[in-house]
């Protein structure tokens, strides 16, 4: 059972306050918490931030043990991506419902074109851990170093230092909230100073069509009527302000938009048919699963899980 953390004002005239104070906590609660921390450390789950003996935070990384191939529908999306890039298409859309594996598929696309500097942007900060796990846990992405905003603050040269090794690549995750604003933050300067091999815009339907967020992603400024046309009918963008001048632009050779609800995006004519590398719905995933069952479940050594 979770215990309630006491606040500085909970007890009057408290001579000393610590975040380690909890209401009605017992010795048994403490023992249980210690066991959970030890188990998390053994499992390398990343549930708790760990510190060294000199009180420095330890950077959590996932064990690189995953080794699975793309599923058929993922492989088709990867092949479509590669063909589109070879045909000169530079602004692509991958539509797929939840559980398709858009982050894994996108990183496979990055490998296909040998993208050394990959930037992932999202309006949803809570997807960072999914991207981190994808990049760090699969052996296919062992050349990539996962970097986030905190890593940029710790080492402003981490991108340059990593890419100076020809065998290393960077997958940088940033939120649109962190990037927005008319002034370029110091930690982002080196990101805006160089060309990005592949810019992945995650949950593109959620945030990047708002002018206050999306202005960092456009290569050229859209007119207000064009923006309103794209935003028309999207309830989540009614509170986002229109900003007259776009002062920051991420420079990318290829852009890959990921979305689970792209219908109004498609209606806006931003993407041509040749730009859509995948259009996967739940029915497609179910059909693929049933086909796999028919082909493999009768095998003696089949492991359906």
Protein backbone atom coordinates (compact mmCIF):
# COMPACT_ATOMS: atom_id res chain seq x y z
CA UNK A 1 0.00 0.00 0.00
CA UNK A 2 1.38 3.42 -0.95
CA UNK A 3 2.09 5.80 1.90
CA UNK A 4 1.30 9.51 1.79
CA UNK A 5 4.40 11.71 1.70
CA UNK A 6 4.32 14.48 4.32
CA UNK A 7 4.60 18.07 3.11
CA UNK A 8 6.68 20.85 4.77
CA UNK A 9 3.53 22.45 6.15
CA UNK A 10 1.90 19.22 7.42
CA UNK A 11 3.45 19.55 10.90
CA UNK A 12 3.68 23.01 12.40
CA UNK A 13 7.05 24.34 13.58
CA UNK A 14 8.89 21.36 12.12
CA UNK A 15 12.63 21.98 12.78
CA UNK A 16 13.73 19.79 9.88
CA UNK A 17 11.93 18.46 6.80
CA UNK A 18 12.83 15.55 4.57
CA UNK A 19 11.08 14.02 1.59
CA UNK A 20 11.62 10.71 3.35
CA UNK A 21 8.85 11.47 5.88
CA UNK A 22 5.62 9.51 5.26
CA UNK A 23 2.32 9.55 7.13
CA UNK A 24 1.63 6.53 9.34
CA UNK A 25 4.57 4.58 7.85
CA UNK A 26 5.62 1.45 9.76
CA UNK A 27 8.82 -0.57 10.00
CA UNK A 28 7.13 -3.21 7.85
CA UNK A 29 6.47 -0.57 5.16
CA UNK A 30 10.16 0.36 5.23
CA UNK A 31 11.29 -3.26 4.95
CA UNK A 32 8.92 -3.81 2.03
CA UNK A 33 10.23 -0.70 0.26
CA UNK A 34 13.86 -1.82 0.71
CA UNK A 35 13.06 -5.26 -0.72
CA UNK A 36 11.35 -3.66 -3.72
CA UNK A 37 14.35 -1.40 -4.39
CA UNK A 38 16.75 -4.37 -4.18
CA UNK A 39 14.58 -6.43 -6.54
CA UNK A 40 14.38 -3.52 -9.02
CA UNK A 41 18.19 -3.19 -8.95
CA UNK A 42 18.65 -6.92 -9.62
CA UNK A 43 16.12 -6.84 -12.47
CA UNK A 44 17.50 -3.56 -13.86
CA UNK A 45 13.92 -2.37 -14.26
CA UNK A 46 14.68 1.35 -13.91
CA UNK A 47 11.83 1.73 -11.43
CA UNK A 48 13.99 3.77 -9.04
CA UNK A 49 16.79 6.27 -9.70
CA UNK A 50 19.95 4.81 -8.17
CA UNK A 51 22.97 6.66 -6.79
CA UNK A 52 26.61 5.70 -6.36
CA UNK A 53 28.40 5.80 -3.01
CA UNK A 54 29.58 9.34 -3.79
CA UNK A 55 25.90 10.34 -4.17
CA UNK A 56 26.03 10.77 -7.94
CA UNK A 57 22.97 9.59 -9.93
CA UNK A 58 23.47 6.45 -11.98
CA UNK A 59 22.23 6.59 -15.58
CA UNK A 60 19.80 3.75 -16.12
CA UNK A 61 20.08 1.78 -19.35
CA UNK A 62 18.16 -1.26 -20.50
CA UNK A 63 19.96 -4.55 -21.03
CA UNK A 64 20.51 -5.09 -24.76
CA UNK A 65 19.11 -8.61 -24.98
CA UNK A 66 16.18 -8.38 -27.42
CA UNK A 67 16.70 -10.12 -30.75
CA UNK A 68 13.51 -10.45 -32.78
CA UNK A 69 12.86 -9.75 -36.44
CA UNK A 70 10.17 -7.36 -37.73
CA UNK A 71 6.76 -8.92 -38.28
CA UNK A 72 5.50 -9.13 -41.85
CA UNK A 73 3.43 -5.94 -41.66
CA UNK A 74 6.34 -4.11 -40.03
CA UNK A 75 8.74 -5.40 -42.70
CA UNK A 76 6.38 -4.16 -45.40
CA UNK A 77 6.33 -0.68 -43.83
CA UNK A 78 10.15 -0.67 -43.68
CA UNK A 79 10.41 -1.67 -47.34
CA UNK A 80 7.85 0.98 -48.31
CA UNK A 81 9.84 3.58 -46.37
CA UNK A 82 13.08 2.67 -48.12
CA UNK A 83 11.40 2.73 -51.54
CA UNK A 84 9.81 6.11 -50.83
CA UNK A 85 13.14 7.62 -49.78
CA UNK A 86 14.86 6.21 -52.87
CA UNK A 87 12.10 7.79 -54.95
CA UNK A 88 12.89 11.18 -53.43
CA UNK A 89 9.96 11.43 -51.00
CA UNK A 90 10.98 13.39 -47.90
CA UNK A 91 7.81 13.82 -45.80
CA UNK A 92 6.32 10.42 -44.96
CA UNK A 93 3.47 9.08 -42.83
CA UNK A 94 3.26 5.79 -40.97
CA UNK A 95 -0.28 5.19 -39.77
CA UNK A 96 -0.75 2.23 -37.44
CA UNK A 97 -2.93 1.52 -34.44
CA UNK A 98 -1.61 0.82 -30.94
CA UNK A 99 0.47 -2.34 -30.47
CA UNK A 100 1.76 -2.25 -34.05
CA UNK A 101 5.24 -1.35 -32.85
CA UNK A 102 5.72 2.07 -34.44
CA UNK A 103 8.85 2.92 -32.44
CA UNK A 104 10.59 -0.37 -33.33
CA UNK A 105 9.56 -0.08 -36.98
CA UNK A 106 10.72 3.54 -37.16
CA UNK A 107 14.14 2.69 -35.77
CA UNK A 108 14.39 -0.12 -38.32
CA UNK A 109 13.65 2.50 -40.98
CA UNK A 110 16.50 4.59 -39.58
CA UNK A 111 18.85 1.63 -39.92
CA UNK A 112 17.70 1.01 -43.49
CA UNK A 113 18.92 4.44 -44.61
CA UNK A 114 21.94 4.43 -42.25
CA UNK A 115 20.62 7.50 -40.42
CA UNK A 116 23.38 8.48 -37.98
CA UNK A 117 21.54 11.38 -36.33
CA UNK A 118 17.93 10.53 -35.53
CA UNK A 119 15.69 12.93 -33.62
CA UNK A 120 12.36 11.84 -32.14
CA UNK A 121 9.95 14.60 -31.11
CA UNK A 122 6.61 14.18 -29.39
CA UNK A 123 4.01 16.30 -27.64
CA UNK A 124 3.62 13.46 -25.12
CA UNK A 125 6.53 13.24 -22.68
CA UNK A 126 5.36 9.89 -21.31
CA UNK A 127 6.35 8.02 -24.49
CA UNK A 128 10.06 8.70 -23.86
CA UNK A 129 10.54 5.52 -21.86
CA UNK A 130 9.09 3.43 -24.69
CA UNK A 131 11.58 4.96 -27.14
CA UNK A 132 14.45 4.54 -24.68
CA UNK A 133 13.63 0.87 -24.19
CA UNK A 134 13.31 0.32 -27.94
CA UNK A 135 16.69 1.89 -28.72
CA UNK A 136 18.60 0.40 -25.81
CA UNK A 137 17.21 -3.13 -25.53
CA UNK A 138 17.40 -4.49 -29.10
CA UNK A 139 20.74 -5.67 -30.48
CA UNK A 140 19.78 -4.37 -33.93
CA UNK A 141 20.18 -0.83 -32.59
CA UNK A 142 23.45 -1.38 -30.72
CA UNK A 143 25.12 1.41 -32.72
CA UNK A 144 22.65 3.98 -31.37
CA UNK A 145 23.08 5.97 -28.17
CA UNK A 146 19.77 7.10 -26.70
CA UNK A 147 19.95 10.76 -25.67
CA UNK A 148 17.34 12.96 -24.01
CA UNK A 149 17.07 16.52 -22.74
CA UNK A 150 18.74 15.67 -19.43
CA UNK A 151 21.71 14.16 -21.25
CA UNK A 152 22.07 17.37 -23.28
CA UNK A 153 22.19 19.36 -20.05
CA UNK A 154 24.84 17.08 -18.56
CA UNK A 155 27.03 17.17 -21.65
CA UNK A 156 26.43 19.81 -24.32
CA UNK A 157 28.84 18.01 -26.68
CA UNK A 158 27.33 14.53 -26.35
CA UNK A 159 25.97 14.55 -29.92
CA UNK A 160 29.22 15.76 -31.50
CA UNK A 161 31.35 13.45 -29.35
CA UNK A 162 29.23 10.41 -30.23
CA UNK A 163 29.01 11.10 -33.96
CA UNK A 164 32.76 11.71 -34.14
CA UNK A 165 33.03 7.92 -33.89
CA UNK A 166 32.03 6.64 -37.32
CA UNK A 167 30.64 3.47 -35.76
CA UNK A 168 28.26 5.30 -33.45
CA UNK A 169 24.87 6.91 -34.01
CA UNK A 170 22.51 9.07 -31.95
CA UNK A 171 18.78 8.72 -31.26
CA UNK A 172 17.71 11.93 -29.53
CA UNK A 173 14.28 12.24 -27.88
CA UNK A 174 12.84 15.71 -27.25
CA UNK A 175 9.38 16.97 -26.40
CA UNK A 176 7.70 19.73 -28.37
CA UNK A 177 7.01 21.50 -25.08
CA UNK A 178 10.75 21.62 -24.44
CA UNK A 179 11.46 22.91 -27.94
CA UNK A 180 8.76 25.57 -28.16
CA UNK A 181 9.45 29.26 -27.72
CA UNK A 182 11.04 31.96 -29.86
CA UNK A 183 14.47 31.59 -28.29
CA UNK A 184 16.63 28.53 -28.90
CA UNK A 185 17.69 27.03 -25.57
CA UNK A 186 21.43 26.62 -25.15
CA UNK A 187 21.15 22.84 -24.77
CA UNK A 188 19.34 22.66 -28.14
CA UNK A 189 21.73 24.87 -30.09
CA UNK A 190 23.81 22.04 -31.54
CA UNK A 191 20.59 20.24 -32.53
CA UNK A 192 19.42 23.21 -34.61
CA UNK A 193 22.92 23.80 -36.00
CA UNK A 194 23.17 20.50 -37.88
CA UNK A 195 21.07 18.54 -40.34
CA UNK A 196 19.05 15.64 -38.95
CA UNK A 197 19.20 12.46 -41.02
CA UNK A 198 15.76 11.29 -39.90
CA UNK A 199 13.26 13.34 -37.91
CA UNK A 200 10.56 11.12 -36.38
CA UNK A 201 7.43 12.98 -35.25
CA UNK A 202 5.62 10.70 -32.81
CA UNK A 203 1.87 11.09 -32.23
CA UNK A 204 1.88 13.62 -35.06
CA UNK A 205 -1.90 14.07 -34.79
CA UNK A 206 -1.60 15.18 -31.15
CA UNK A 207 0.70 18.15 -31.06
CA UNK A 208 2.65 19.13 -34.13
CA UNK A 209 -0.27 20.67 -36.02
CA UNK A 210 -0.57 23.36 -33.35
CA UNK A 211 1.37 26.43 -34.47
CA UNK A 212 2.97 27.07 -31.07
CA UNK A 213 4.42 23.54 -31.07
CA UNK A 214 4.61 22.70 -34.75
CA UNK A 215 6.58 25.75 -35.86
CA UNK A 216 9.86 24.05 -34.95
CA UNK A 217 9.13 21.27 -37.42
CA UNK A 218 8.22 23.17 -40.58
CA UNK A 219 10.71 23.87 -43.32
CA UNK A 220 8.61 26.74 -44.58
CA UNK A 221 6.00 28.88 -42.91
CA UNK A 222 2.33 28.08 -43.51
CA UNK A 223 -0.28 30.76 -43.92
CA UNK A 224 -2.94 31.12 -41.26
CA UNK A 225 -5.71 29.77 -43.56
CA UNK A 226 -3.57 26.70 -44.31
CA UNK A 227 -3.00 26.06 -40.61
CA UNK A 228 -6.67 26.54 -39.81
CA UNK A 229 -7.53 24.06 -42.56
CA UNK A 230 -5.27 21.45 -40.98
CA UNK A 231 -6.56 22.11 -37.47
CA UNK A 232 -10.23 22.21 -38.44
CA UNK A 233 -12.26 19.86 -36.27
CA UNK A 234 -9.41 18.81 -33.98
CA UNK A 235 -10.73 19.54 -30.47
CA UNK A 236 -7.37 19.12 -28.77
CA UNK A 237 -5.93 22.09 -30.64
CA UNK A 238 -8.63 24.66 -29.91
CA UNK A 239 -6.57 26.21 -27.11
CA UNK A 240 -3.27 26.41 -28.99
CA UNK A 241 -2.33 29.92 -30.08
CA UNK A 242 -1.43 30.93 -33.60
CA UNK A 243 2.05 32.46 -33.67
CA UNK A 244 2.85 34.86 -36.52
CA UNK A 245 6.57 34.28 -36.91
CA UNK A 246 8.33 30.93 -36.99
CA UNK A 247 11.82 31.62 -35.72
CA UNK A 248 13.04 28.08 -35.14
CA UNK A 249 13.16 25.25 -37.64
CA UNK A 250 14.59 21.79 -37.23
CA UNK A 251 16.51 20.94 -40.39
CA UNK A 252 15.85 17.37 -41.46
CA UNK A 253 16.67 15.41 -44.60
CA UNK A 254 13.75 12.99 -44.08
CA UNK A 255 10.65 13.34 -41.88
CA UNK A 256 8.61 10.39 -40.72
CA UNK A 257 5.27 11.15 -39.04
CA UNK A 258 3.72 8.49 -36.80
CA UNK A 259 0.02 8.51 -36.02
CA UNK A 260 -2.78 6.29 -34.86
CA UNK A 261 -5.57 8.67 -35.95
CA UNK A 262 -4.47 10.29 -39.23
CA UNK A 263 -7.78 10.77 -40.99
CA UNK A 264 -7.97 14.56 -40.86
CA UNK A 265 -4.25 14.75 -41.60
CA UNK A 266 -4.84 12.75 -44.77
CA UNK A 267 -7.80 14.97 -45.68
CA UNK A 268 -5.56 18.05 -45.44
CA UNK A 269 -3.60 16.87 -48.51
CA UNK A 270 -0.32 17.24 -46.65
CA UNK A 271 0.59 13.69 -47.69
CA UNK A 272 0.29 12.19 -51.14
CA UNK A 273 -0.43 8.50 -51.66
CA UNK A 274 3.28 7.89 -52.27
CA UNK A 275 4.10 9.37 -48.85
CA UNK A 276 2.03 6.90 -46.81
CA UNK A 277 4.30 3.95 -46.01
CA UNK A 278 1.78 2.05 -43.88
CA UNK A 279 -1.93 2.11 -43.13
CA UNK A 280 -2.50 -0.60 -40.52
CA UNK A 281 -5.76 -0.99 -38.62
CA UNK A 282 -6.74 -3.39 -35.82
CA UNK A 283 -8.37 -5.71 -38.34
CA UNK A 284 -5.07 -6.01 -40.20
CA UNK A 285 -3.25 -7.05 -37.02
CA UNK A 286 -5.94 -9.59 -36.14
CA UNK A 287 -5.84 -11.03 -39.68
CA UNK A 288 -2.04 -11.31 -39.49
CA UNK A 289 -2.30 -13.10 -36.14
CA UNK A 290 -4.86 -15.57 -37.48
CA UNK A 291 -2.71 -16.26 -40.53
CA UNK A 292 0.30 -16.94 -38.28
CA UNK A 293 -1.79 -19.30 -36.15
CA UNK A 294 -2.91 -21.26 -39.22
CA UNK A 295 0.67 -21.58 -40.45
CA UNK A 296 2.47 -22.38 -37.19
CA UNK A 297 0.23 -23.66 -34.39
CA UNK A 298 0.23 -27.20 -35.81
CA UNK A 299 4.03 -27.38 -35.68
CA UNK A 300 5.38 -29.64 -32.92
CA UNK A 301 7.95 -27.09 -31.72
CA UNK A 302 5.66 -24.08 -31.94
CA UNK A 303 5.90 -21.57 -29.10
CA UNK A 304 2.72 -19.56 -29.54
CA UNK A 305 3.68 -17.09 -26.82
